[in-house]
Amino acid sequence: MSFCSFIATNHEMPEVESKVKCITAKEAIELGIRPHEFVPWENIDPDAQILYAENEDDLNELVITKDAYYTVSGYTSYPFIYEVTFGYSESRVKQLLEYLKENIKEEQIVELWKVWIDQDNNDLNIPYNRYSCEELSLDHLVQMYNWHHKQYKEQYCIVLER
């Protein structure tokens, strides 16, 4: 089983791109980036691809991309799907809250899902709550993503309307 979080909606929404970039070792050298102490640049193929982030805060950042890696059509009938990925922290959840409040339009319906893929899809009794966009709070999202929260649910859906 694999964890997947995604947005399903009846209107397009903007993507949130990653600040982590894939560059070659040669480009890293040209940018003056120091290599890891155990792997000097001389031991790496200049055309090898590496991941580069300007600072540690960019790792595990909120990224929202059109479509999803997994097939999620069994969960929703909405045509626009956006995968939501981030490393859990309250500040990342706050970014997600701000993104939702800023980008949901009038008469738009947004489903925010957190599911386990490959679970028995014949038994999709995933709990959900419905809120207006104005009612959605940080605590609703913390409850959804923080497995230490007393009201955490393994699978969950929040339906938002404006």
C-alpha atoms as a PDB file:
ATOM      1  CA  MET A   1       0.000   0.000   0.000  1.00  0.00           C
ATOM      2  CA  SER A   2       1.087   3.565  -0.665  1.00  0.00           C
ATOM      3  CA  PHE A   3      -0.024   6.832   0.889  1.00  0.00           C
ATOM      4  CA  CYS A   4      -1.476   9.449  -1.456  1.00  0.00           C
ATOM      5  CA  SER A   5      -2.845  12.912  -0.790  1.00  0.00           C
ATOM      6  CA  PHE A   6      -4.616  14.734  -3.581  1.00  0.00           C
ATOM      7  CA  ILE A   7      -7.066  17.467  -4.465  1.00  0.00           C
ATOM      8  CA  ALA A   8     -10.011  16.704  -6.737  1.00  0.00           C
ATOM      9  CA  THR A   9     -12.074  19.617  -8.013  1.00  0.00           C
ATOM     10  CA  ASN A  10     -14.472  20.876 -10.647  1.00  0.00           C
ATOM     11  CA  HIS A  11     -12.203  23.818 -11.681  1.00  0.00           C
ATOM     12  CA  GLU A  12      -8.512  24.086 -12.487  1.00  0.00           C
ATOM     13  CA  MET A  13      -6.170  25.299  -9.759  1.00  0.00           C
ATOM     14  CA  PRO A  14      -2.587  26.580  -9.853  1.00  0.00           C
ATOM     15  CA  GLU A  15       0.302  24.233  -9.224  1.00  0.00           C
ATOM     16  CA  VAL A  16       2.916  24.829  -6.523  1.00  0.00           C
ATOM     17  CA  GLU A  17       6.318  23.901  -7.933  1.00  0.00           C
ATOM     18  CA  SER A  18       9.216  22.453  -6.012  1.00  0.00           C
ATOM     19  CA  LYS A  19      12.232  24.624  -5.232  1.00  0.00           C
ATOM     20  CA  VAL A  20      14.389  21.490  -5.312  1.00  0.00           C
ATOM     21  CA  LYS A  21      15.993  21.220  -8.750  1.00  0.00           C
ATOM     22  CA  CYS A  22      17.721  18.456 -10.637  1.00  0.00           C
ATOM     23  CA  ILE A  23      21.075  19.652 -12.023  1.00  0.00           C
ATOM     24  CA  THR A  24      24.212  17.975 -13.310  1.00  0.00           C
ATOM     25  CA  ALA A  25      27.357  17.649 -11.234  1.00  0.00           C
ATOM     26  CA  LYS A  26      29.059  19.931 -13.770  1.00  0.00           C
ATOM     27  CA  GLU A  27      26.411  22.639 -13.187  1.00  0.00           C
ATOM     28  CA  ALA A  28      26.862  22.251  -9.426  1.00  0.00           C
ATOM     29  CA  ILE A  29      30.609  22.801  -9.790  1.00  0.00           C
ATOM     30  CA  GLU A  30      29.986  25.889 -11.954  1.00  0.00           C
ATOM     31  CA  LEU A  31      27.610  27.259  -9.293  1.00  0.00           C
ATOM     32  CA  GLY A  32      30.303  26.797  -6.663  1.00  0.00           C
ATOM     33  CA  ILE A  33      28.350  24.230  -4.685  1.00  0.00           C
ATOM     34  CA  ARG A  34      30.494  22.230  -2.296  1.00  0.00           C
ATOM     35  CA  PRO A  35      30.322  18.447  -2.681  1.00  0.00           C
ATOM     36  CA  HIS A  36      29.511  16.125   0.177  1.00  0.00           C
ATOM     37  CA  GLU A  37      32.635  15.373   2.214  1.00  0.00           C
ATOM     38  CA  PHE A  38      32.441  11.630   1.381  1.00  0.00           C
ATOM     39  CA  VAL A  39      31.967  12.077  -2.377  1.00  0.00           C
ATOM     40  CA  PRO A  40      34.219  14.705  -3.976  1.00  0.00           C
ATOM     41  CA  TRP A  41      33.275  16.073  -7.391  1.00  0.00           C
ATOM     42  CA  GLU A  42      36.232  14.214  -8.947  1.00  0.00           C
ATOM     43  CA  ASN A  43      34.506  10.906  -8.130  1.00  0.00           C
ATOM     44  CA  ILE A  44      31.239  11.870  -9.839  1.00  0.00           C
ATOM     45  CA  ASP A  45      30.462  11.759 -13.554  1.00  0.00           C
ATOM     46  CA  PRO A  46      30.073  15.423 -14.639  1.00  0.00           C
ATOM     47  CA  ASP A  47      26.784  14.520 -16.386  1.00  0.00           C
ATOM     48  CA  ALA A  48      25.331  12.742 -13.332  1.00  0.00           C
ATOM     49  CA  GLN A  49      22.067  14.253 -12.115  1.00  0.00           C
ATOM     50  CA  ILE A  50      21.881  15.487  -8.515  1.00  0.00           C
ATOM     51  CA  LEU A  51      19.128  17.111  -6.494  1.00  0.00           C
ATOM     52  CA  TYR A  52      19.883  20.628  -5.324  1.00  0.00           C
ATOM     53  CA  ALA A  53      18.078  22.800  -2.788  1.00  0.00           C
ATOM     54  CA  GLU A  54      19.284  26.271  -1.829  1.00  0.00           C
ATOM     55  CA  ASN A  55      18.480  25.627   1.820  1.00  0.00           C
ATOM     56  CA  GLU A  56      17.251  22.850   4.041  1.00  0.00           C
ATOM     57  CA  ASP A  57      13.815  24.464   4.443  1.00  0.00           C
ATOM     58  CA  ASP A  58      13.124  23.681   0.788  1.00  0.00           C
ATOM     59  CA  LEU A  59      13.268  19.953   1.499  1.00  0.00           C
ATOM     60  CA  ASN A  60       9.872  18.408   2.257  1.00  0.00           C
ATOM     61  CA  GLU A  61       8.180  21.568   0.998  1.00  0.00           C
ATOM     62  CA  LEU A  62       4.560  21.789  -0.119  1.00  0.00           C
ATOM     63  CA  VAL A  63       4.284  20.750  -3.772  1.00  0.00           C
ATOM     64  CA  ILE A  64       0.994  20.575  -5.679  1.00  0.00           C
ATOM     65  CA  THR A  65       1.176  19.084  -9.169  1.00  0.00           C
ATOM     66  CA  LYS A  66      -1.443  18.413 -11.795  1.00  0.00           C
ATOM     67  CA  ASP A  67      -2.475  14.766 -12.011  1.00  0.00           C
ATOM     68  CA  ALA A  68      -1.328  12.147  -9.544  1.00  0.00           C
ATOM     69  CA  TYR A  69       1.254   9.406  -9.626  1.00  0.00           C
ATOM     70  CA  TYR A  70      -1.415   6.889  -8.591  1.00  0.00           C
ATOM     71  CA  THR A  71      -4.768   6.247 -10.240  1.00  0.00           C
ATOM     72  CA  VAL A  72      -7.324   7.943  -7.987  1.00  0.00           C
ATOM     73  CA  SER A  73     -10.384   7.957 -10.249  1.00  0.00           C
ATOM     74  CA  GLY A  74     -12.103   5.421  -7.965  1.00  0.00           C
ATOM     75  CA  TYR A  75     -12.242   8.038  -5.203  1.00  0.00           C
ATOM     76  CA  THR A  76     -13.807  10.976  -7.039  1.00  0.00           C
ATOM     77  CA  SER A  77     -15.732  11.993 -10.128  1.00  0.00           C
ATOM     78  CA  TYR A  78     -14.134  15.438 -10.440  1.00  0.00           C
ATOM     79  CA  PRO A  79     -12.032  15.987 -13.576  1.00  0.00           C
ATOM     80  CA  PHE A  80      -9.160  18.025 -12.120  1.00  0.00           C
ATOM     81  CA  ILE A  81      -6.730  16.099  -9.939  1.00  0.00           C
ATOM     82  CA  TYR A  82      -3.666  17.540  -8.151  1.00  0.00           C
ATOM     83  CA  GLU A  83      -1.232  15.500  -6.098  1.00  0.00           C
ATOM     84  CA  VAL A  84      -0.312  17.098  -2.758  1.00  0.00           C
ATOM     85  CA  THR A  85       3.077  16.226  -1.258  1.00  0.00           C
ATOM     86  CA  PHE A  86       4.997  17.601   1.706  1.00  0.00           C
ATOM     87  CA  GLY A  87       6.827  16.495   4.806  1.00  0.00           C
ATOM     88  CA  TYR A  88       4.480  17.064   7.718  1.00  0.00           C
ATOM     89  CA  SER A  89       5.033  20.110   9.873  1.00  0.00           C
ATOM     90  CA  GLU A  90       2.549  22.647  11.161  1.00  0.00           C
ATOM     91  CA  SER A  91       4.114  25.320   8.935  1.00  0.00           C
ATOM     92  CA  ARG A  92       3.636  23.141   5.814  1.00  0.00           C
ATOM     93  CA  VAL A  93       0.004  22.497   6.778  1.00  0.00           C
ATOM     94  CA  LYS A  94      -0.415  26.243   7.248  1.00  0.00           C
ATOM     95  CA  GLN A  95       0.898  26.742   3.687  1.00  0.00           C
ATOM     96  CA  LEU A  96      -1.691  24.239   2.436  1.00  0.00           C
ATOM     97  CA  LEU A  97      -4.441  26.094   4.315  1.00  0.00           C
ATOM     98  CA  GLU A  98      -3.363  29.410   2.767  1.00  0.00           C
ATOM     99  CA  TYR A  99      -3.183  27.821  -0.695  1.00  0.00           C
ATOM    100  CA  LEU A 100      -6.737  26.474  -0.391  1.00  0.00           C
ATOM    101  CA  LYS A 101      -8.215  29.717   0.953  1.00  0.00           C
ATOM    102  CA  GLU A 102      -6.484  31.791  -1.757  1.00  0.00           C
ATOM    103  CA  ASN A 103      -7.291  29.547  -4.715  1.00  0.00           C
ATOM    104  CA  ILE A 104     -10.810  28.219  -4.274  1.00  0.00           C
ATOM    105  CA  LYS A 105     -13.172  30.217  -6.492  1.00  0.00           C
ATOM    106  CA  GLU A 106     -16.876  30.973  -6.168  1.00  0.00           C
ATOM    107  CA  GLU A 107     -19.001  27.874  -6.834  1.00  0.00           C
ATOM    108  CA  GLN A 108     -15.944  25.640  -6.764  1.00  0.00           C
ATOM    109  CA  ILE A 109     -15.986  22.367  -4.873  1.00  0.00           C
ATOM    110  CA  VAL A 110     -12.679  20.921  -3.675  1.00  0.00           C
ATOM    111  CA  GLU A 111     -12.119  17.495  -2.198  1.00  0.00           C
ATOM    112  CA  LEU A 112      -8.887  17.103  -0.235  1.00  0.00           C
ATOM    113  CA  TRP A 113      -8.115  13.393   0.088  1.00  0.00           C
ATOM    114  CA  LYS A 114      -5.623  11.411   2.131  1.00  0.00           C
ATOM    115  CA  VAL A 115      -5.848   7.706   1.274  1.00  0.00           C
ATOM    116  CA  TRP A 116      -3.974   4.442   1.159  1.00  0.00           C
ATOM    117  CA  ILE A 117      -3.766   3.250  -2.432  1.00  0.00           C
ATOM    118  CA  ASP A 118      -4.371  -0.453  -3.110  1.00  0.00           C
ATOM    119  CA  GLN A 119      -6.596  -0.800  -0.070  1.00  0.00           C
ATOM    120  CA  ASP A 120      -9.703  -2.830  -0.885  1.00  0.00           C
ATOM    121  CA  ASN A 121     -11.480  -0.357  -3.177  1.00  0.00           C
ATOM    122  CA  ASN A 122     -14.751  -2.253  -2.793  1.00  0.00           C
ATOM    123  CA  ASP A 123     -14.981  -0.900   0.739  1.00  0.00           C
ATOM    124  CA  LEU A 124     -14.417   2.836   0.270  1.00  0.00           C
ATOM    125  CA  ASN A 125     -16.161   4.013   3.419  1.00  0.00           C
ATOM    126  CA  ILE A 126     -13.692   6.842   3.897  1.00  0.00           C
ATOM    127  CA  PRO A 127     -14.920   9.396   6.445  1.00  0.00           C
ATOM    128  CA  TYR A 128     -15.356  12.964   5.274  1.00  0.00           C
ATOM    129  CA  ASN A 129     -16.431  16.339   6.553  1.00  0.00           C
ATOM    130  CA  ARG A 130     -17.857  19.217   4.573  1.00  0.00           C
ATOM    131  CA  TYR A 131     -16.895  22.835   5.297  1.00  0.00           C
ATOM    132  CA  SER A 132     -17.232  26.188   3.671  1.00  0.00           C
ATOM    133  CA  CYS A 133     -13.883  27.596   2.678  1.00  0.00           C
ATOM    134  CA  GLU A 134     -14.197  30.184   5.447  1.00  0.00           C
ATOM    135  CA  GLU A 135     -14.787  27.480   8.100  1.00  0.00           C
ATOM    136  CA  LEU A 136     -11.674  25.484   7.245  1.00  0.00           C
ATOM    137  CA  SER A 137      -9.085  25.853   9.997  1.00  0.00           C
ATOM    138  CA  LEU A 138      -5.505  24.877  10.628  1.00  0.00           C
ATOM    139  CA  ASP A 139      -6.722  22.311  13.158  1.00  0.00           C
ATOM    140  CA  HIS A 140      -8.807  20.532  10.492  1.00  0.00           C
ATOM    141  CA  LEU A 141      -5.676  20.013   8.400  1.00  0.00           C
ATOM    142  CA  VAL A 142      -3.425  19.173  11.357  1.00  0.00           C
ATOM    143  CA  GLN A 143      -5.961  16.510  12.323  1.00  0.00           C
ATOM    144  CA  MET A 144      -5.788  15.163   8.776  1.00  0.00           C
ATOM    145  CA  TYR A 145      -1.995  14.979   8.418  1.00  0.00           C
ATOM    146  CA  ASN A 146      -0.557  14.664  11.950  1.00  0.00           C
ATOM    147  CA  TRP A 147      -0.709  11.019  12.970  1.00  0.00           C
ATOM    148  CA  HIS A 148      -0.130  12.071  16.613  1.00  0.00           C
ATOM    149  CA  HIS A 149      -3.378  14.083  16.647  1.00  0.00           C
ATOM    150  CA  LYS A 150      -6.036  12.490  18.871  1.00  0.00           C
ATOM    151  CA  GLN A 151      -8.629  12.665  16.042  1.00  0.00           C
ATOM    152  CA  TYR A 152      -6.296  11.477  13.244  1.00  0.00           C
ATOM    153  CA  LYS A 153      -7.844   9.134  10.690  1.00  0.00           C
ATOM    154  CA  GLU A 154      -5.839   6.793   8.429  1.00  0.00           C
ATOM    155  CA  GLN A 155      -7.968   7.810   5.454  1.00  0.00           C
ATOM    156  CA  TYR A 156      -9.967  10.995   5.254  1.00  0.00           C
ATOM    157  CA  CYS A 157     -11.555  13.521   2.923  1.00  0.00           C
ATOM    158  CA  ILE A 158     -12.418  17.172   3.470  1.00  0.00           C
ATOM    159  CA  VAL A 159     -14.965  18.673   1.067  1.00  0.00           C
ATOM    160  CA  LEU A 160     -14.740  22.445   0.674  1.00  0.00           C
ATOM    161  CA  GLU A 161     -17.150  24.841  -1.003  1.00  0.00           C
ATOM    162  CA  ARG A 162     -17.080  28.548  -1.613  1.00  0.00           C
END
